[in-house]
């Protein structure tokens, strides 16, 4: 069994973990919906131009239905996630959103695809859930906002659906064109927000630079890595590996943003890392339910 797909997903998740921290460097006037729209626009269209120049996309035969499903899911995920970061902080928003996604994915695969999650997935996810609980019980200065947590939970559910719809798309097209088309479609869906909310803060070159970082590093590169790995491994396994995102986010939240994590949160981070190790070393394909 090749571990490379797992490494791709892991690296993509680490890049995602920098997303919330990057958002904190934007001014208070930067609405989460504009951040989402800007990220999709930069990440999607930059890849799309390259793919068109390389003639990697055939618009006539493209699987539009799967692309639209994935684009709607990733658009909603971004809107909810960036709103949650604003309300409840980088670490908690990331932990709840991505920490809940593997659980939702396992349930969805079991109910709709008749795939029973493996024992390794169960063990790994149990580690992850306990780790998330430890982070949630942090006694530091992170604000626990119920609405923000609700946004994160819904974001986790939607990200699970994104992973499944994206996996369906990847069965028909290559990873990079799939990411390019998904985020370009997402950008079109989110475009109206540019005309609704204040965008005067985009006149600052530093703010534009952060949007480009979010678009290129945490979108183009990260999602290409994630998609290439997702094509070869089960959705639930990919989502559990995505727990590297909240781990990264929590660490950056402490050392960069200045959020305070207590002893319980440190234990939570170690449990999340243990979850990733268990899954990477022992993961096997899910079994079909009889």
C-alpha atoms as a PDB file:
ATOM      1  CA  UNK A   1       0.000   0.000   0.000  1.00  0.00           C
ATOM      2  CA  UNK A   2       1.358   3.418  -0.986  1.00  0.00           C
ATOM      3  CA  UNK A   3       1.433   6.040   1.747  1.00  0.00           C
ATOM      4  CA  UNK A   4       1.859   8.889  -0.757  1.00  0.00           C
ATOM      5  CA  UNK A   5      -1.893   9.669  -1.081  1.00  0.00           C
ATOM      6  CA  UNK A   6      -2.102   9.930   2.717  1.00  0.00           C
ATOM      7  CA  UNK A   7       0.879  12.305   2.728  1.00  0.00           C
ATOM      8  CA  UNK A   8      -0.753  14.470   0.045  1.00  0.00           C
ATOM      9  CA  UNK A   9      -3.937  14.779   2.119  1.00  0.00           C
ATOM     10  CA  UNK A  10      -1.893  15.502   5.245  1.00  0.00           C
ATOM     11  CA  UNK A  11       0.124  18.298   3.582  1.00  0.00           C
ATOM     12  CA  UNK A  12      -3.045  19.819   2.171  1.00  0.00           C
ATOM     13  CA  UNK A  13      -4.622  19.792   5.633  1.00  0.00           C
ATOM     14  CA  UNK A  14      -1.578  21.510   7.163  1.00  0.00           C
ATOM     15  CA  UNK A  15      -1.901  24.310   4.614  1.00  0.00           C
ATOM     16  CA  UNK A  16      -5.606  24.598   5.457  1.00  0.00           C
ATOM     17  CA  UNK A  17      -4.583  24.973   9.079  1.00  0.00           C
ATOM     18  CA  UNK A  18      -3.042  28.341   8.255  1.00  0.00           C
ATOM     19  CA  UNK A  19      -6.318  29.704   6.841  1.00  0.00           C
ATOM     20  CA  UNK A  20      -7.883  30.969  10.063  1.00  0.00           C
ATOM     21  CA  UNK A  21      -4.641  32.549  11.239  1.00  0.00           C
ATOM     22  CA  UNK A  22      -4.266  34.397   7.926  1.00  0.00           C
ATOM     23  CA  UNK A  23      -7.823  35.714   8.346  1.00  0.00           C
ATOM     24  CA  UNK A  24      -6.933  37.284  11.703  1.00  0.00           C
ATOM     25  CA  UNK A  25      -4.474  39.622   9.951  1.00  0.00           C
ATOM     26  CA  UNK A  26      -7.293  41.158   7.929  1.00  0.00           C
ATOM     27  CA  UNK A  27      -9.153  44.234   9.301  1.00  0.00           C
ATOM     28  CA  UNK A  28     -12.429  43.937  11.211  1.00  0.00           C
ATOM     29  CA  UNK A  29     -14.225  45.379   8.177  1.00  0.00           C
ATOM     30  CA  UNK A  30     -13.274  42.303   6.121  1.00  0.00           C
ATOM     31  CA  UNK A  31     -16.543  40.369   5.965  1.00  0.00           C
ATOM     32  CA  UNK A  32     -16.194  36.549   5.987  1.00  0.00           C
ATOM     33  CA  UNK A  33     -18.296  36.324   2.822  1.00  0.00           C
ATOM     34  CA  UNK A  34     -15.888  38.596   0.931  1.00  0.00           C
ATOM     35  CA  UNK A  35     -12.912  36.604   2.216  1.00  0.00           C
ATOM     36  CA  UNK A  36     -14.583  33.426   0.929  1.00  0.00           C
ATOM     37  CA  UNK A  37     -15.366  35.000  -2.438  1.00  0.00           C
ATOM     38  CA  UNK A  38     -11.839  36.397  -2.812  1.00  0.00           C
ATOM     39  CA  UNK A  39     -10.233  33.095  -1.877  1.00  0.00           C
ATOM     40  CA  UNK A  40     -12.290  31.141  -4.421  1.00  0.00           C
ATOM     41  CA  UNK A  41     -11.724  33.743  -7.122  1.00  0.00           C
ATOM     42  CA  UNK A  42      -7.934  33.778  -6.775  1.00  0.00           C
ATOM     43  CA  UNK A  43      -7.556  30.041  -6.215  1.00  0.00           C
ATOM     44  CA  UNK A  44     -10.065  28.900  -8.805  1.00  0.00           C
ATOM     45  CA  UNK A  45      -9.390  31.213 -11.719  1.00  0.00           C
ATOM     46  CA  UNK A  46      -5.576  31.056 -11.386  1.00  0.00           C
ATOM     47  CA  UNK A  47      -5.719  27.284 -11.788  1.00  0.00           C
ATOM     48  CA  UNK A  48      -8.415  27.506 -14.457  1.00  0.00           C
ATOM     49  CA  UNK A  49      -6.289  29.739 -16.702  1.00  0.00           C
ATOM     50  CA  UNK A  50      -3.356  27.319 -16.446  1.00  0.00           C
ATOM     51  CA  UNK A  51      -5.571  24.306 -17.177  1.00  0.00           C
ATOM     52  CA  UNK A  52      -7.125  26.012 -20.207  1.00  0.00           C
ATOM     53  CA  UNK A  53      -3.698  26.950 -21.569  1.00  0.00           C
ATOM     54  CA  UNK A  54      -2.570  23.338 -21.110  1.00  0.00           C
ATOM     55  CA  UNK A  55      -5.812  22.139 -22.760  1.00  0.00           C
ATOM     56  CA  UNK A  56      -6.672  19.980 -19.759  1.00  0.00           C
ATOM     57  CA  UNK A  57     -10.363  20.927 -19.696  1.00  0.00           C
ATOM     58  CA  UNK A  58     -13.010  19.973 -22.255  1.00  0.00           C
ATOM     59  CA  UNK A  59     -16.046  22.105 -21.425  1.00  0.00           C
ATOM     60  CA  UNK A  60     -18.352  20.077 -23.690  1.00  0.00           C
ATOM     61  CA  UNK A  61     -17.759  16.766 -21.921  1.00  0.00           C
ATOM     62  CA  UNK A  62     -17.138  18.156 -18.444  1.00  0.00           C
ATOM     63  CA  UNK A  63     -19.189  16.572 -15.583  1.00  0.00           C
ATOM     64  CA  UNK A  64     -21.042  19.759 -14.647  1.00  0.00           C
ATOM     65  CA  UNK A  65     -23.482  18.187 -12.180  1.00  0.00           C
ATOM     66  CA  UNK A  66     -20.753  16.793  -9.918  1.00  0.00           C
ATOM     67  CA  UNK A  67     -18.812  20.059 -10.204  1.00  0.00           C
ATOM     68  CA  UNK A  68     -21.827  22.128  -9.196  1.00  0.00           C
ATOM     69  CA  UNK A  69     -22.487  19.913  -6.169  1.00  0.00           C
ATOM     70  CA  UNK A  70     -18.859  20.220  -5.042  1.00  0.00           C
ATOM     71  CA  UNK A  71     -18.832  23.994  -5.687  1.00  0.00           C
ATOM     72  CA  UNK A  72     -21.998  24.564  -3.649  1.00  0.00           C
ATOM     73  CA  UNK A  73     -20.589  22.511  -0.765  1.00  0.00           C
ATOM     74  CA  UNK A  74     -17.214  24.262  -0.702  1.00  0.00           C
ATOM     75  CA  UNK A  75     -18.887  27.678  -0.980  1.00  0.00           C
ATOM     76  CA  UNK A  76     -21.135  26.995   2.003  1.00  0.00           C
ATOM     77  CA  UNK A  77     -18.231  25.510   3.960  1.00  0.00           C
ATOM     78  CA  UNK A  78     -16.121  28.640   3.486  1.00  0.00           C
ATOM     79  CA  UNK A  79     -18.959  31.003   4.428  1.00  0.00           C
ATOM     80  CA  UNK A  80     -19.652  29.079   7.625  1.00  0.00           C
ATOM     81  CA  UNK A  81     -16.006  28.465   8.533  1.00  0.00           C
ATOM     82  CA  UNK A  82     -14.800  32.060   8.153  1.00  0.00           C
ATOM     83  CA  UNK A  83     -17.875  33.267  10.071  1.00  0.00           C
ATOM     84  CA  UNK A  84     -17.094  30.773  12.843  1.00  0.00           C
ATOM     85  CA  UNK A  85     -13.452  31.920  13.074  1.00  0.00           C
ATOM     86  CA  UNK A  86     -14.681  35.464  13.538  1.00  0.00           C
ATOM     87  CA  UNK A  87     -17.036  34.426  16.344  1.00  0.00           C
ATOM     88  CA  UNK A  88     -15.156  31.774  18.296  1.00  0.00           C
ATOM     89  CA  UNK A  89     -11.475  31.912  17.352  1.00  0.00           C
ATOM     90  CA  UNK A  90      -9.078  30.059  15.080  1.00  0.00           C
ATOM     91  CA  UNK A  91      -8.444  26.928  17.153  1.00  0.00           C
ATOM     92  CA  UNK A  92     -11.994  26.130  18.241  1.00  0.00           C
ATOM     93  CA  UNK A  93     -13.534  26.860  14.815  1.00  0.00           C
ATOM     94  CA  UNK A  94     -11.022  24.592  13.088  1.00  0.00           C
ATOM     95  CA  UNK A  95     -11.271  21.805  15.655  1.00  0.00           C
ATOM     96  CA  UNK A  96     -15.061  21.631  15.604  1.00  0.00           C
ATOM     97  CA  UNK A  97     -15.446  21.975  11.816  1.00  0.00           C
ATOM     98  CA  UNK A  98     -12.817  19.480  10.700  1.00  0.00           C
ATOM     99  CA  UNK A  99     -13.039  17.340  13.822  1.00  0.00           C
ATOM    100  CA  UNK A 100     -16.729  16.646  13.157  1.00  0.00           C
ATOM    101  CA  UNK A 101     -16.316  15.998   9.420  1.00  0.00           C
ATOM    102  CA  UNK A 102     -14.903  12.425   9.694  1.00  0.00           C
ATOM    103  CA  UNK A 103     -17.772  11.405  11.963  1.00  0.00           C
ATOM    104  CA  UNK A 104     -20.345  12.841   9.556  1.00  0.00           C
ATOM    105  CA  UNK A 105     -18.531  11.211   6.615  1.00  0.00           C
ATOM    106  CA  UNK A 106     -18.491   7.778   8.211  1.00  0.00           C
ATOM    107  CA  UNK A 107     -22.216   8.003   8.920  1.00  0.00           C
ATOM    108  CA  UNK A 108     -22.984   9.253   5.393  1.00  0.00           C
ATOM    109  CA  UNK A 109     -20.921   6.478   3.793  1.00  0.00           C
ATOM    110  CA  UNK A 110     -22.588   3.865   5.997  1.00  0.00           C
ATOM    111  CA  UNK A 111     -26.149   5.086   5.398  1.00  0.00           C
ATOM    112  CA  UNK A 112     -26.014   6.102   1.736  1.00  0.00           C
ATOM    113  CA  UNK A 113     -23.102   4.128   0.245  1.00  0.00           C
ATOM    114  CA  UNK A 114     -23.451   1.012   2.434  1.00  0.00           C
ATOM    115  CA  UNK A 115     -19.770   1.221   3.376  1.00  0.00           C
ATOM    116  CA  UNK A 116     -19.034   0.142   6.925  1.00  0.00           C
ATOM    117  CA  UNK A 117     -16.091   2.150   8.341  1.00  0.00           C
ATOM    118  CA  UNK A 118     -13.053   0.041   9.206  1.00  0.00           C
ATOM    119  CA  UNK A 119     -11.949  -0.651  12.777  1.00  0.00           C
ATOM    120  CA  UNK A 120      -8.869   1.503  12.184  1.00  0.00           C
ATOM    121  CA  UNK A 121     -11.129   4.393  11.149  1.00  0.00           C
ATOM    122  CA  UNK A 122     -13.169   3.855  14.322  1.00  0.00           C
ATOM    123  CA  UNK A 123     -10.086   3.860  16.549  1.00  0.00           C
ATOM    124  CA  UNK A 124      -8.583   6.864  14.788  1.00  0.00           C
ATOM    125  CA  UNK A 125     -11.816   8.826  14.901  1.00  0.00           C
ATOM    126  CA  UNK A 126     -12.269   7.970  18.596  1.00  0.00           C
ATOM    127  CA  UNK A 127      -8.828   9.455  19.273  1.00  0.00           C
ATOM    128  CA  UNK A 128      -9.858  12.492  17.256  1.00  0.00           C
ATOM    129  CA  UNK A 129     -13.167  12.979  19.060  1.00  0.00           C
ATOM    130  CA  UNK A 130     -11.518  12.755  22.480  1.00  0.00           C
ATOM    131  CA  UNK A 131      -8.811  15.139  21.276  1.00  0.00           C
ATOM    132  CA  UNK A 132     -11.453  17.593  20.103  1.00  0.00           C
ATOM    133  CA  UNK A 133     -13.181  17.363  23.474  1.00  0.00           C
ATOM    134  CA  UNK A 134      -9.929  18.196  25.264  1.00  0.00           C
ATOM    135  CA  UNK A 135      -9.448  21.209  23.006  1.00  0.00           C
ATOM    136  CA  UNK A 136     -13.050  22.235  23.554  1.00  0.00           C
ATOM    137  CA  UNK A 137     -12.528  22.113  27.329  1.00  0.00           C
ATOM    138  CA  UNK A 138      -9.640  24.573  27.092  1.00  0.00           C
ATOM    139  CA  UNK A 139      -9.636  27.024  30.017  1.00  0.00           C
ATOM    140  CA  UNK A 140      -7.647  29.707  28.252  1.00  0.00           C
ATOM    141  CA  UNK A 141      -8.808  32.949  26.740  1.00  0.00           C
ATOM    142  CA  UNK A 142     -10.517  31.511  23.653  1.00  0.00           C
ATOM    143  CA  UNK A 143     -14.150  32.609  23.458  1.00  0.00           C
ATOM    144  CA  UNK A 144     -16.652  29.765  23.295  1.00  0.00           C
ATOM    145  CA  UNK A 145     -19.472  31.192  21.166  1.00  0.00           C
ATOM    146  CA  UNK A 146     -22.432  28.771  20.720  1.00  0.00           C
ATOM    147  CA  UNK A 147     -23.416  30.295  17.369  1.00  0.00           C
ATOM    148  CA  UNK A 148     -19.836  30.017  16.160  1.00  0.00           C
ATOM    149  CA  UNK A 149     -19.697  26.379  17.234  1.00  0.00           C
ATOM    150  CA  UNK A 150     -22.997  25.703  15.459  1.00  0.00           C
ATOM    151  CA  UNK A 151     -21.575  27.248  12.276  1.00  0.00           C
ATOM    152  CA  UNK A 152     -18.527  24.992  12.626  1.00  0.00           C
ATOM    153  CA  UNK A 153     -20.615  21.844  13.092  1.00  0.00           C
ATOM    154  CA  UNK A 154     -22.697  22.612  10.007  1.00  0.00           C
ATOM    155  CA  UNK A 155     -19.470  23.393   8.156  1.00  0.00           C
ATOM    156  CA  UNK A 156     -18.133  19.960   9.164  1.00  0.00           C
ATOM    157  CA  UNK A 157     -21.251  18.263   7.794  1.00  0.00           C
ATOM    158  CA  UNK A 158     -21.022  20.204   4.535  1.00  0.00           C
ATOM    159  CA  UNK A 159     -17.303  19.443   4.215  1.00  0.00           C
ATOM    160  CA  UNK A 160     -18.134  15.741   4.495  1.00  0.00           C
ATOM    161  CA  UNK A 161     -20.577  16.133   1.594  1.00  0.00           C
ATOM    162  CA  UNK A 162     -17.928  18.116  -0.331  1.00  0.00           C
ATOM    163  CA  UNK A 163     -15.462  15.263   0.097  1.00  0.00           C
ATOM    164  CA  UNK A 164     -17.964  12.713  -1.199  1.00  0.00           C
ATOM    165  CA  UNK A 165     -19.050  14.849  -4.166  1.00  0.00           C
ATOM    166  CA  UNK A 166     -15.428  15.680  -4.944  1.00  0.00           C
ATOM    167  CA  UNK A 167     -14.508  11.981  -4.868  1.00  0.00           C
ATOM    168  CA  UNK A 168     -17.296  11.338  -7.390  1.00  0.00           C
ATOM    169  CA  UNK A 169     -15.918  14.120  -9.602  1.00  0.00           C
ATOM    170  CA  UNK A 170     -12.392  12.714  -9.368  1.00  0.00           C
ATOM    171  CA  UNK A 171     -13.589   9.403 -10.750  1.00  0.00           C
ATOM    172  CA  UNK A 172     -14.225  11.187 -14.058  1.00  0.00           C
ATOM    173  CA  UNK A 173     -11.545  13.896 -14.297  1.00  0.00           C
ATOM    174  CA  UNK A 174      -8.007  14.624 -13.082  1.00  0.00           C
ATOM    175  CA  UNK A 175      -7.365  16.320  -9.742  1.00  0.00           C
ATOM    176  CA  UNK A 176      -6.023  19.722 -10.819  1.00  0.00           C
ATOM    177  CA  UNK A 177      -8.726  20.433 -13.457  1.00  0.00           C
ATOM    178  CA  UNK A 178     -11.340  19.305 -10.900  1.00  0.00           C
ATOM    179  CA  UNK A 179     -10.086  21.787  -8.291  1.00  0.00           C
ATOM    180  CA  UNK A 180      -9.841  24.547 -10.908  1.00  0.00           C
ATOM    181  CA  UNK A 181     -13.416  24.056 -12.100  1.00  0.00           C
ATOM    182  CA  UNK A 182     -14.854  23.545  -8.610  1.00  0.00           C
ATOM    183  CA  UNK A 183     -13.386  26.747  -7.174  1.00  0.00           C
ATOM    184  CA  UNK A 184     -14.040  28.771 -10.311  1.00  0.00           C
ATOM    185  CA  UNK A 185     -17.690  27.736 -10.096  1.00  0.00           C
ATOM    186  CA  UNK A 186     -17.624  28.561  -6.380  1.00  0.00           C
ATOM    187  CA  UNK A 187     -16.215  31.998  -7.225  1.00  0.00           C
ATOM    188  CA  UNK A 188     -19.128  32.643  -9.600  1.00  0.00           C
ATOM    189  CA  UNK A 189     -21.612  31.570  -6.921  1.00  0.00           C
ATOM    190  CA  UNK A 190     -20.005  33.908  -4.367  1.00  0.00           C
ATOM    191  CA  UNK A 191     -19.431  36.822  -6.755  1.00  0.00           C
ATOM    192  CA  UNK A 192     -22.633  38.736  -5.783  1.00  0.00           C
ATOM    193  CA  UNK A 193     -21.191  39.335  -2.286  1.00  0.00           C
ATOM    194  CA  UNK A 194     -18.662  41.747  -3.820  1.00  0.00           C
ATOM    195  CA  UNK A 195     -21.607  44.037  -4.592  1.00  0.00           C
ATOM    196  CA  UNK A 196     -23.300  43.627  -1.210  1.00  0.00           C
ATOM    197  CA  UNK A 197     -20.535  44.089   1.391  1.00  0.00           C
ATOM    198  CA  UNK A 198     -17.786  46.667   1.890  1.00  0.00           C
ATOM    199  CA  UNK A 199     -14.650  45.922  -0.138  1.00  0.00           C
ATOM    200  CA  UNK A 200     -12.770  49.176   0.514  1.00  0.00           C
ATOM    201  CA  UNK A 201     -10.257  47.262   2.668  1.00  0.00           C
ATOM    202  CA  UNK A 202      -9.035  45.567  -0.513  1.00  0.00           C
ATOM    203  CA  UNK A 203      -7.357  48.848  -1.487  1.00  0.00           C
ATOM    204  CA  UNK A 204      -4.570  47.949   0.949  1.00  0.00           C
ATOM    205  CA  UNK A 205      -1.811  45.898  -0.717  1.00  0.00           C
ATOM    206  CA  UNK A 206      -1.190  43.880   2.455  1.00  0.00           C
ATOM    207  CA  UNK A 207      -4.825  42.792   2.617  1.00  0.00           C
ATOM    208  CA  UNK A 208      -4.768  41.815  -1.049  1.00  0.00           C
ATOM    209  CA  UNK A 209      -1.612  39.804  -0.365  1.00  0.00           C
ATOM    210  CA  UNK A 210      -3.408  37.827   2.346  1.00  0.00           C
ATOM    211  CA  UNK A 211      -6.301  37.091  -0.020  1.00  0.00           C
ATOM    212  CA  UNK A 212      -3.797  35.875  -2.614  1.00  0.00           C
ATOM    213  CA  UNK A 213      -2.157  33.665   0.020  1.00  0.00           C
ATOM    214  CA  UNK A 214      -5.559  32.226   0.924  1.00  0.00           C
ATOM    215  CA  UNK A 215      -6.343  31.685  -2.739  1.00  0.00           C
ATOM    216  CA  UNK A 216      -3.043  30.222  -3.917  1.00  0.00           C
ATOM    217  CA  UNK A 217      -1.538  28.380  -0.930  1.00  0.00           C
ATOM    218  CA  UNK A 218      -4.619  27.312   1.057  1.00  0.00           C
ATOM    219  CA  UNK A 219      -6.808  26.747  -1.995  1.00  0.00           C
ATOM    220  CA  UNK A 220      -4.946  25.969  -5.227  1.00  0.00           C
ATOM    221  CA  UNK A 221      -2.035  24.030  -3.708  1.00  0.00           C
ATOM    222  CA  UNK A 222      -3.863  22.597  -0.683  1.00  0.00           C
ATOM    223  CA  UNK A 223      -6.933  21.340  -2.528  1.00  0.00           C
ATOM    224  CA  UNK A 224      -4.863  19.880  -5.374  1.00  0.00           C
ATOM    225  CA  UNK A 225      -2.880  17.905  -2.800  1.00  0.00           C
ATOM    226  CA  UNK A 226      -6.089  16.868  -1.047  1.00  0.00           C
ATOM    227  CA  UNK A 227      -7.784  15.885  -4.307  1.00  0.00           C
ATOM    228  CA  UNK A 228      -4.819  13.822  -5.523  1.00  0.00           C
ATOM    229  CA  UNK A 229      -4.787  11.921  -2.233  1.00  0.00           C
ATOM    230  CA  UNK A 230      -8.581  11.612  -2.035  1.00  0.00           C
ATOM    231  CA  UNK A 231      -8.621   9.875  -5.421  1.00  0.00           C
ATOM    232  CA  UNK A 232      -6.764   6.899  -3.901  1.00  0.00           C
ATOM    233  CA  UNK A 233      -8.100   6.593  -0.334  1.00  0.00           C
ATOM    234  CA  UNK A 234     -11.542   6.341   1.371  1.00  0.00           C
ATOM    235  CA  UNK A 235     -13.366   9.607   2.054  1.00  0.00           C
ATOM    236  CA  UNK A 236     -13.617   8.923   5.780  1.00  0.00           C
ATOM    237  CA  UNK A 237      -9.854   8.292   5.975  1.00  0.00           C
ATOM    238  CA  UNK A 238      -9.119  11.522   4.100  1.00  0.00           C
ATOM    239  CA  UNK A 239     -11.356  13.454   6.459  1.00  0.00           C
ATOM    240  CA  UNK A 240      -9.693  11.971   9.526  1.00  0.00           C
ATOM    241  CA  UNK A 241      -6.283  12.946   8.159  1.00  0.00           C
ATOM    242  CA  UNK A 242      -7.746  16.420   7.688  1.00  0.00           C
ATOM    243  CA  UNK A 243      -7.595  16.711  11.474  1.00  0.00           C
ATOM    244  CA  UNK A 244      -4.054  17.949  10.875  1.00  0.00           C
ATOM    245  CA  UNK A 245      -5.806  21.227  10.058  1.00  0.00           C
ATOM    246  CA  UNK A 246      -7.137  21.971  13.569  1.00  0.00           C
ATOM    247  CA  UNK A 247      -3.847  20.770  15.053  1.00  0.00           C
ATOM    248  CA  UNK A 248      -1.959  23.259  12.873  1.00  0.00           C
ATOM    249  CA  UNK A 249      -4.568  25.940  13.551  1.00  0.00           C
ATOM    250  CA  UNK A 250      -4.350  25.446  17.316  1.00  0.00           C
ATOM    251  CA  UNK A 251      -0.557  25.671  17.294  1.00  0.00           C
ATOM    252  CA  UNK A 252      -0.579  28.806  15.123  1.00  0.00           C
ATOM    253  CA  UNK A 253      -3.351  30.246  17.264  1.00  0.00           C
ATOM    254  CA  UNK A 254      -1.060  30.029  20.282  1.00  0.00           C
ATOM    255  CA  UNK A 255       2.241  31.144  18.791  1.00  0.00           C
ATOM    256  CA  UNK A 256       1.041  33.635  16.162  1.00  0.00           C
ATOM    257  CA  UNK A 257      -2.407  34.913  17.153  1.00  0.00           C
ATOM    258  CA  UNK A 258      -1.821  34.770  20.913  1.00  0.00           C
ATOM    259  CA  UNK A 259      -4.740  32.506  21.845  1.00  0.00           C
ATOM    260  CA  UNK A 260      -4.193  30.725  25.156  1.00  0.00           C
ATOM    261  CA  UNK A 261      -4.420  26.911  25.307  1.00  0.00           C
ATOM    262  CA  UNK A 262      -4.302  25.137  28.662  1.00  0.00           C
ATOM    263  CA  UNK A 263      -2.994  21.688  29.560  1.00  0.00           C
ATOM    264  CA  UNK A 264      -6.158  19.969  28.321  1.00  0.00           C
ATOM    265  CA  UNK A 265      -5.761  21.566  24.920  1.00  0.00           C
ATOM    266  CA  UNK A 266      -2.175  20.364  24.669  1.00  0.00           C
ATOM    267  CA  UNK A 267      -3.375  16.816  25.403  1.00  0.00           C
ATOM    268  CA  UNK A 268      -6.036  17.302  22.723  1.00  0.00           C
ATOM    269  CA  UNK A 269      -3.416  18.231  20.133  1.00  0.00           C
ATOM    270  CA  UNK A 270      -1.390  15.109  20.994  1.00  0.00           C
ATOM    271  CA  UNK A 271      -4.503  12.942  20.644  1.00  0.00           C
ATOM    272  CA  UNK A 272      -5.222  14.465  17.253  1.00  0.00           C
ATOM    273  CA  UNK A 273      -1.678  13.719  16.161  1.00  0.00           C
ATOM    274  CA  UNK A 274      -2.130  10.161  17.462  1.00  0.00           C
ATOM    275  CA  UNK A 275      -5.305   9.879  15.409  1.00  0.00           C
ATOM    276  CA  UNK A 276      -3.385  10.814  12.270  1.00  0.00           C
ATOM    277  CA  UNK A 277      -0.601   8.322  13.017  1.00  0.00           C
ATOM    278  CA  UNK A 278      -3.074   5.479  13.652  1.00  0.00           C
ATOM    279  CA  UNK A 279      -4.932   6.129  10.411  1.00  0.00           C
ATOM    280  CA  UNK A 280      -1.829   6.591   8.269  1.00  0.00           C
ATOM    281  CA  UNK A 281      -0.130   3.415   9.509  1.00  0.00           C
ATOM    282  CA  UNK A 282      -3.129   1.104   9.700  1.00  0.00           C
ATOM    283  CA  UNK A 283      -5.763   2.363   7.264  1.00  0.00           C
ATOM    284  CA  UNK A 284      -7.545  -0.173   5.067  1.00  0.00           C
ATOM    285  CA  UNK A 285     -10.417   0.212   2.585  1.00  0.00           C
ATOM    286  CA  UNK A 286     -13.946   0.267   3.979  1.00  0.00           C
ATOM    287  CA  UNK A 287     -15.993  -2.908   3.653  1.00  0.00           C
ATOM    288  CA  UNK A 288     -19.247  -3.115   1.732  1.00  0.00           C
ATOM    289  CA  UNK A 289     -22.218  -3.686   4.027  1.00  0.00           C
ATOM    290  CA  UNK A 290     -24.072  -6.899   3.166  1.00  0.00           C
END
